[in-house]
């Protein structure tokens, strides 16, 4: 059973930066990719950013584009989410997700159903 382990959440001030880390237990996602989703208070879980394992193609939600950066380390089966200029509306539980199926460049996986494995989540709180 593949495991995804998130870390790096915490309490920050508005405008601060934070980096989340997600380590996969093996290379299951090498044909697909990995992503960060989040669920804010009273909201549905939404895609934040996703990265294709082969080639490193990325996609961002419009709300975080220009502030957040997703990256990967192939040697460590790990992805990162660098979050800058954090806002109170970024406060949420952030989940790491992994897609095992092949990721076609013409079809960016943005839905929860596109992903097969999930982490437990890490809390990010942004004080105003």
C-alpha atoms as a PDB file:
ATOM      1  CA  UNK A   1       0.000   0.000   0.000  1.00  0.00           C
ATOM      2  CA  UNK A   2       1.449   3.305  -1.084  1.00  0.00           C
ATOM      3  CA  UNK A   3       1.707   5.910   1.637  1.00  0.00           C
ATOM      4  CA  UNK A   4       1.909   9.671   1.300  1.00  0.00           C
ATOM      5  CA  UNK A   5       3.315  11.572   4.234  1.00  0.00           C
ATOM      6  CA  UNK A   6       2.817  15.323   4.421  1.00  0.00           C
ATOM      7  CA  UNK A   7       4.713  17.703   6.645  1.00  0.00           C
ATOM      8  CA  UNK A   8       5.419  21.393   7.014  1.00  0.00           C
ATOM      9  CA  UNK A   9       2.071  22.839   8.030  1.00  0.00           C
ATOM     10  CA  UNK A  10       1.759  25.342  10.811  1.00  0.00           C
ATOM     11  CA  UNK A  11       0.646  28.777  11.950  1.00  0.00           C
ATOM     12  CA  UNK A  12       1.998  31.779  10.058  1.00  0.00           C
ATOM     13  CA  UNK A  13       1.210  35.461   9.679  1.00  0.00           C
ATOM     14  CA  UNK A  14      -0.298  37.060   6.590  1.00  0.00           C
ATOM     15  CA  UNK A  15       2.439  37.619   4.040  1.00  0.00           C
ATOM     16  CA  UNK A  16       4.664  34.879   5.400  1.00  0.00           C
ATOM     17  CA  UNK A  17       6.001  31.875   3.517  1.00  0.00           C
ATOM     18  CA  UNK A  18       5.723  28.176   4.231  1.00  0.00           C
ATOM     19  CA  UNK A  19       6.886  25.030   2.472  1.00  0.00           C
ATOM     20  CA  UNK A  20       4.934  21.787   2.530  1.00  0.00           C
ATOM     21  CA  UNK A  21       6.555  18.442   1.812  1.00  0.00           C
ATOM     22  CA  UNK A  22       4.993  15.175   0.704  1.00  0.00           C
ATOM     23  CA  UNK A  23       7.007  11.982   0.527  1.00  0.00           C
ATOM     24  CA  UNK A  24       5.702   8.930  -1.297  1.00  0.00           C
ATOM     25  CA  UNK A  25       6.702   5.504  -0.057  1.00  0.00           C
ATOM     26  CA  UNK A  26       7.660   4.334  -3.548  1.00  0.00           C
ATOM     27  CA  UNK A  27       7.776   5.315  -7.245  1.00  0.00           C
ATOM     28  CA  UNK A  28       4.154   4.378  -7.941  1.00  0.00           C
ATOM     29  CA  UNK A  29       3.415   7.776  -9.481  1.00  0.00           C
ATOM     30  CA  UNK A  30       6.235   7.828 -12.025  1.00  0.00           C
ATOM     31  CA  UNK A  31       3.775   7.518 -14.970  1.00  0.00           C
ATOM     32  CA  UNK A  32       1.332  10.005 -13.513  1.00  0.00           C
ATOM     33  CA  UNK A  33       1.973  12.766 -11.084  1.00  0.00           C
ATOM     34  CA  UNK A  34       1.296  14.254  -7.710  1.00  0.00           C
ATOM     35  CA  UNK A  35      -0.700  17.184  -6.478  1.00  0.00           C
ATOM     36  CA  UNK A  36      -1.692  19.378  -3.577  1.00  0.00           C
ATOM     37  CA  UNK A  37      -5.340  19.903  -2.737  1.00  0.00           C
ATOM     38  CA  UNK A  38      -6.797  21.888   0.128  1.00  0.00           C
ATOM     39  CA  UNK A  39     -10.027  22.115   2.066  1.00  0.00           C
ATOM     40  CA  UNK A  40     -10.785  25.363   3.812  1.00  0.00           C
ATOM     41  CA  UNK A  41     -13.386  25.797   6.576  1.00  0.00           C
ATOM     42  CA  UNK A  42     -16.813  25.104   5.150  1.00  0.00           C
ATOM     43  CA  UNK A  43     -15.472  24.588   1.655  1.00  0.00           C
ATOM     44  CA  UNK A  44     -15.075  21.742  -0.788  1.00  0.00           C
ATOM     45  CA  UNK A  45     -11.665  20.242  -1.344  1.00  0.00           C
ATOM     46  CA  UNK A  46     -10.009  21.974  -4.287  1.00  0.00           C
ATOM     47  CA  UNK A  47      -6.914  21.523  -6.385  1.00  0.00           C
ATOM     48  CA  UNK A  48      -4.065  23.863  -5.527  1.00  0.00           C
ATOM     49  CA  UNK A  49      -1.324  22.623  -7.843  1.00  0.00           C
ATOM     50  CA  UNK A  50      -0.280  19.502  -9.666  1.00  0.00           C
ATOM     51  CA  UNK A  51       2.930  18.278 -11.271  1.00  0.00           C
ATOM     52  CA  UNK A  52       3.534  15.640 -13.902  1.00  0.00           C
ATOM     53  CA  UNK A  53       6.265  13.301 -12.768  1.00  0.00           C
ATOM     54  CA  UNK A  54       7.789  12.929 -16.219  1.00  0.00           C
ATOM     55  CA  UNK A  55       8.765  16.306 -17.571  1.00  0.00           C
ATOM     56  CA  UNK A  56       7.679  18.295 -14.548  1.00  0.00           C
ATOM     57  CA  UNK A  57       4.731  20.028 -16.214  1.00  0.00           C
ATOM     58  CA  UNK A  58       2.750  22.013 -13.683  1.00  0.00           C
ATOM     59  CA  UNK A  59      -0.719  23.471 -13.284  1.00  0.00           C
ATOM     60  CA  UNK A  60      -1.953  25.927 -10.655  1.00  0.00           C
ATOM     61  CA  UNK A  61      -5.293  27.125  -9.436  1.00  0.00           C
ATOM     62  CA  UNK A  62      -5.792  30.748 -10.380  1.00  0.00           C
ATOM     63  CA  UNK A  63      -6.047  31.728  -6.714  1.00  0.00           C
ATOM     64  CA  UNK A  64      -2.436  30.679  -6.031  1.00  0.00           C
ATOM     65  CA  UNK A  65      -0.722  31.244  -9.375  1.00  0.00           C
ATOM     66  CA  UNK A  66       2.301  33.469  -8.928  1.00  0.00           C
ATOM     67  CA  UNK A  67       2.453  32.861  -5.179  1.00  0.00           C
ATOM     68  CA  UNK A  68       2.800  29.085  -4.862  1.00  0.00           C
ATOM     69  CA  UNK A  69       5.305  26.796  -6.546  1.00  0.00           C
ATOM     70  CA  UNK A  70       5.060  23.022  -6.794  1.00  0.00           C
ATOM     71  CA  UNK A  71       8.219  21.041  -7.415  1.00  0.00           C
ATOM     72  CA  UNK A  72       9.469  17.479  -7.216  1.00  0.00           C
ATOM     73  CA  UNK A  73      12.564  15.540  -6.316  1.00  0.00           C
ATOM     74  CA  UNK A  74      12.622  12.349  -8.345  1.00  0.00           C
ATOM     75  CA  UNK A  75      15.379  10.813  -6.253  1.00  0.00           C
ATOM     76  CA  UNK A  76      13.332  11.152  -3.073  1.00  0.00           C
ATOM     77  CA  UNK A  77       9.810  10.472  -4.467  1.00  0.00           C
ATOM     78  CA  UNK A  78       8.923  13.798  -2.889  1.00  0.00           C
ATOM     79  CA  UNK A  79       7.004  16.893  -3.888  1.00  0.00           C
ATOM     80  CA  UNK A  80       7.032  20.315  -2.335  1.00  0.00           C
ATOM     81  CA  UNK A  81       4.698  23.275  -2.220  1.00  0.00           C
ATOM     82  CA  UNK A  82       6.429  26.571  -1.653  1.00  0.00           C
ATOM     83  CA  UNK A  83       3.791  29.049  -0.514  1.00  0.00           C
ATOM     84  CA  UNK A  84       4.639  32.747  -0.507  1.00  0.00           C
ATOM     85  CA  UNK A  85       2.596  35.825   0.367  1.00  0.00           C
ATOM     86  CA  UNK A  86       0.142  33.741   2.335  1.00  0.00           C
ATOM     87  CA  UNK A  87      -3.338  35.146   2.879  1.00  0.00           C
ATOM     88  CA  UNK A  88      -5.982  34.270   5.450  1.00  0.00           C
ATOM     89  CA  UNK A  89      -8.002  32.620   2.682  1.00  0.00           C
ATOM     90  CA  UNK A  90      -5.138  30.155   2.148  1.00  0.00           C
ATOM     91  CA  UNK A  91      -5.839  28.655   5.561  1.00  0.00           C
ATOM     92  CA  UNK A  92      -6.901  25.047   5.061  1.00  0.00           C
ATOM     93  CA  UNK A  93      -5.971  21.445   5.467  1.00  0.00           C
ATOM     94  CA  UNK A  94      -3.577  20.671   2.643  1.00  0.00           C
ATOM     95  CA  UNK A  95      -3.617  17.191   1.189  1.00  0.00           C
ATOM     96  CA  UNK A  96      -1.072  15.464  -0.978  1.00  0.00           C
ATOM     97  CA  UNK A  97      -2.432  13.212  -3.722  1.00  0.00           C
ATOM     98  CA  UNK A  98      -0.907  10.777  -6.166  1.00  0.00           C
ATOM     99  CA  UNK A  99      -2.004   9.752  -9.636  1.00  0.00           C
ATOM    100  CA  UNK A 100      -0.844   6.338 -10.843  1.00  0.00           C
ATOM    101  CA  UNK A 101      -2.422   6.376 -14.283  1.00  0.00           C
ATOM    102  CA  UNK A 102      -0.660   7.922 -17.232  1.00  0.00           C
ATOM    103  CA  UNK A 103      -1.000  11.697 -17.346  1.00  0.00           C
ATOM    104  CA  UNK A 104      -1.712  12.855 -20.886  1.00  0.00           C
ATOM    105  CA  UNK A 105      -0.349  16.296 -21.574  1.00  0.00           C
ATOM    106  CA  UNK A 106      -3.628  17.259 -23.212  1.00  0.00           C
ATOM    107  CA  UNK A 107      -5.658  16.370 -20.122  1.00  0.00           C
ATOM    108  CA  UNK A 108      -4.434  17.973 -16.893  1.00  0.00           C
ATOM    109  CA  UNK A 109      -5.752  16.061 -13.880  1.00  0.00           C
ATOM    110  CA  UNK A 110      -7.626  18.629 -11.817  1.00  0.00           C
ATOM    111  CA  UNK A 111     -10.329  16.524 -10.167  1.00  0.00           C
ATOM    112  CA  UNK A 112     -10.159  14.437  -7.007  1.00  0.00           C
ATOM    113  CA  UNK A 113     -11.180  11.354  -8.989  1.00  0.00           C
ATOM    114  CA  UNK A 114      -8.036  11.686 -11.084  1.00  0.00           C
ATOM    115  CA  UNK A 115      -5.958  10.718  -8.063  1.00  0.00           C
ATOM    116  CA  UNK A 116      -5.630   7.312  -6.480  1.00  0.00           C
ATOM    117  CA  UNK A 117      -3.817   7.867  -3.206  1.00  0.00           C
ATOM    118  CA  UNK A 118      -4.136  10.540  -0.538  1.00  0.00           C
ATOM    119  CA  UNK A 119      -2.234  11.696   2.462  1.00  0.00           C
ATOM    120  CA  UNK A 120      -3.762  12.493   5.839  1.00  0.00           C
ATOM    121  CA  UNK A 121      -3.394  16.227   5.425  1.00  0.00           C
ATOM    122  CA  UNK A 122      -1.471  18.980   7.152  1.00  0.00           C
ATOM    123  CA  UNK A 123      -3.034  22.092   8.652  1.00  0.00           C
ATOM    124  CA  UNK A 124      -2.031  25.544   7.479  1.00  0.00           C
ATOM    125  CA  UNK A 125      -3.316  28.464   9.519  1.00  0.00           C
ATOM    126  CA  UNK A 126      -2.777  32.064   8.439  1.00  0.00           C
ATOM    127  CA  UNK A 127      -3.308  34.760  11.035  1.00  0.00           C
ATOM    128  CA  UNK A 128      -4.561  38.093   9.777  1.00  0.00           C
END
